[in-house]
Amino acid sequence: MAQVINATSFLNNKKTFMESWKLKLNGTWNEVKGRAKKQYANLTDNDLLYEDGKDDELVGRIQKKLGKTKDEVVRWIENL
């Protein structure tokens, strides 16, 4: 029973986390983009182009450029 609760809790926390970083994309993306370019000068405006509803494409471009996993990129964006 404890494993089921832990798995459910993990999935709920992951869902909340994924929703919060998407809110960041919609709300303060220009500020976040500036901080991202300071940390990784090799990221271009095209790499960081965000279009509403195309967050997976944004993450994919950043993943490719930085060689990180999707979860790593999402956590990095959330922490900017």
C-alpha atoms as a PDB file:
ATOM      1  CA  MET A   1       0.000   0.000   0.000  1.00  0.00           C
ATOM      2  CA  ALA A   2       2.829   2.403   0.845  1.00  0.00           C
ATOM      3  CA  GLN A   3       4.352   1.943  -2.604  1.00  0.00           C
ATOM      4  CA  VAL A   4       1.081   2.906  -4.277  1.00  0.00           C
ATOM      5  CA  ILE A   5       0.795   6.041  -2.150  1.00  0.00           C
ATOM      6  CA  ASN A   6       4.425   6.956  -2.839  1.00  0.00           C
ATOM      7  CA  ALA A   7       3.962   6.440  -6.583  1.00  0.00           C
ATOM      8  CA  THR A   8       0.784   8.518  -6.560  1.00  0.00           C
ATOM      9  CA  SER A   9       2.479  11.250  -4.548  1.00  0.00           C
ATOM     10  CA  PHE A  10       5.445  11.251  -6.927  1.00  0.00           C
ATOM     11  CA  LEU A  11       3.182  11.560  -9.979  1.00  0.00           C
ATOM     12  CA  ASN A  12       1.171  14.365  -8.388  1.00  0.00           C
ATOM     13  CA  ASN A  13       4.355  16.257  -7.441  1.00  0.00           C
ATOM     14  CA  LYS A  14       5.771  15.785 -10.938  1.00  0.00           C
ATOM     15  CA  LYS A  15       2.515  17.051 -12.485  1.00  0.00           C
ATOM     16  CA  THR A  16       2.549  20.127 -10.230  1.00  0.00           C
ATOM     17  CA  PHE A  17       6.200  20.761 -11.085  1.00  0.00           C
ATOM     18  CA  MET A  18       5.540  20.457 -14.826  1.00  0.00           C
ATOM     19  CA  GLU A  19       2.612  22.866 -14.560  1.00  0.00           C
ATOM     20  CA  SER A  20       4.650  25.419 -12.602  1.00  0.00           C
ATOM     21  CA  TRP A  21       7.458  25.610 -15.158  1.00  0.00           C
ATOM     22  CA  LYS A  22       4.880  26.060 -17.935  1.00  0.00           C
ATOM     23  CA  LEU A  23       3.440  28.999 -16.005  1.00  0.00           C
ATOM     24  CA  LYS A  24       6.936  30.445 -15.928  1.00  0.00           C
ATOM     25  CA  LEU A  25       7.078  30.172 -19.723  1.00  0.00           C
ATOM     26  CA  ASN A  26       3.857  32.113 -20.062  1.00  0.00           C
ATOM     27  CA  GLY A  27       4.546  34.710 -17.401  1.00  0.00           C
ATOM     28  CA  THR A  28       8.163  35.810 -17.303  1.00  0.00           C
ATOM     29  CA  TRP A  29       9.769  34.128 -20.268  1.00  0.00           C
ATOM     30  CA  ASN A  30      11.675  37.219 -21.457  1.00  0.00           C
ATOM     31  CA  GLU A  31      13.351  37.555 -18.052  1.00  0.00           C
ATOM     32  CA  VAL A  32      14.062  33.829 -17.868  1.00  0.00           C
ATOM     33  CA  LYS A  33      15.454  33.874 -21.402  1.00  0.00           C
ATOM     34  CA  GLY A  34      17.925  36.603 -20.422  1.00  0.00           C
ATOM     35  CA  ARG A  35      19.127  34.593 -17.423  1.00  0.00           C
ATOM     36  CA  ALA A  36      19.414  31.465 -19.566  1.00  0.00           C
ATOM     37  CA  LYS A  37      21.615  33.268 -22.093  1.00  0.00           C
ATOM     38  CA  LYS A  38      23.854  34.514 -19.277  1.00  0.00           C
ATOM     39  CA  GLN A  39      24.364  30.946 -18.038  1.00  0.00           C
ATOM     40  CA  TYR A  40      24.800  29.395 -21.485  1.00  0.00           C
ATOM     41  CA  ALA A  41      26.134  31.924 -23.980  1.00  0.00           C
ATOM     42  CA  ASN A  42      25.812  29.370 -26.789  1.00  0.00           C
ATOM     43  CA  LEU A  43      21.987  29.479 -26.577  1.00  0.00           C
ATOM     44  CA  THR A  44      20.567  31.645 -29.357  1.00  0.00           C
ATOM     45  CA  ASP A  45      17.292  33.540 -29.610  1.00  0.00           C
ATOM     46  CA  ASN A  46      16.076  30.776 -31.936  1.00  0.00           C
ATOM     47  CA  ASP A  47      16.957  28.113 -29.346  1.00  0.00           C
ATOM     48  CA  LEU A  48      14.944  30.018 -26.752  1.00  0.00           C
ATOM     49  CA  LEU A  49      11.987  30.926 -28.959  1.00  0.00           C
ATOM     50  CA  TYR A  50       8.793  30.068 -27.094  1.00  0.00           C
ATOM     51  CA  GLU A  51       5.458  29.725 -28.824  1.00  0.00           C
ATOM     52  CA  ASP A  52       2.339  29.087 -26.774  1.00  0.00           C
ATOM     53  CA  GLY A  53       1.558  25.381 -26.667  1.00  0.00           C
ATOM     54  CA  LYS A  54       4.930  24.348 -28.103  1.00  0.00           C
ATOM     55  CA  ASP A  55       6.843  23.909 -24.867  1.00  0.00           C
ATOM     56  CA  ASP A  56       8.058  20.443 -25.884  1.00  0.00           C
ATOM     57  CA  GLU A  57       9.728  21.950 -28.952  1.00  0.00           C
ATOM     58  CA  LEU A  58      11.467  24.551 -26.782  1.00  0.00           C
ATOM     59  CA  VAL A  59      12.709  21.901 -24.364  1.00  0.00           C
ATOM     60  CA  GLY A  60      13.860  19.737 -27.277  1.00  0.00           C
ATOM     61  CA  ARG A  61      15.936  22.560 -28.776  1.00  0.00           C
ATOM     62  CA  ILE A  62      17.553  23.301 -25.418  1.00  0.00           C
ATOM     63  CA  GLN A  63      18.165  19.574 -24.793  1.00  0.00           C
ATOM     64  CA  LYS A  64      19.917  19.240 -28.121  1.00  0.00           C
ATOM     65  CA  LYS A  65      22.065  22.326 -27.577  1.00  0.00           C
ATOM     66  CA  LEU A  66      23.061  21.552 -23.977  1.00  0.00           C
ATOM     67  CA  GLY A  67      23.099  17.745 -24.099  1.00  0.00           C
ATOM     68  CA  LYS A  68      20.768  17.429 -21.105  1.00  0.00           C
ATOM     69  CA  THR A  69      17.693  15.287 -20.442  1.00  0.00           C
ATOM     70  CA  LYS A  70      14.180  16.709 -20.603  1.00  0.00           C
ATOM     71  CA  ASP A  71      13.858  16.607 -16.807  1.00  0.00           C
ATOM     72  CA  GLU A  72      17.198  18.394 -16.392  1.00  0.00           C
ATOM     73  CA  VAL A  73      16.137  21.147 -18.792  1.00  0.00           C
ATOM     74  CA  VAL A  74      12.755  21.582 -17.113  1.00  0.00           C
ATOM     75  CA  ARG A  75      14.365  21.765 -13.638  1.00  0.00           C
ATOM     76  CA  TRP A  76      16.945  24.243 -14.952  1.00  0.00           C
ATOM     77  CA  ILE A  77      14.215  26.493 -16.399  1.00  0.00           C
ATOM     78  CA  GLU A  78      12.207  26.267 -13.185  1.00  0.00           C
ATOM     79  CA  ASN A  79      15.248  27.356 -11.158  1.00  0.00           C
ATOM     80  CA  LEU A  80      16.150  30.343 -13.339  1.00  0.00           C
END
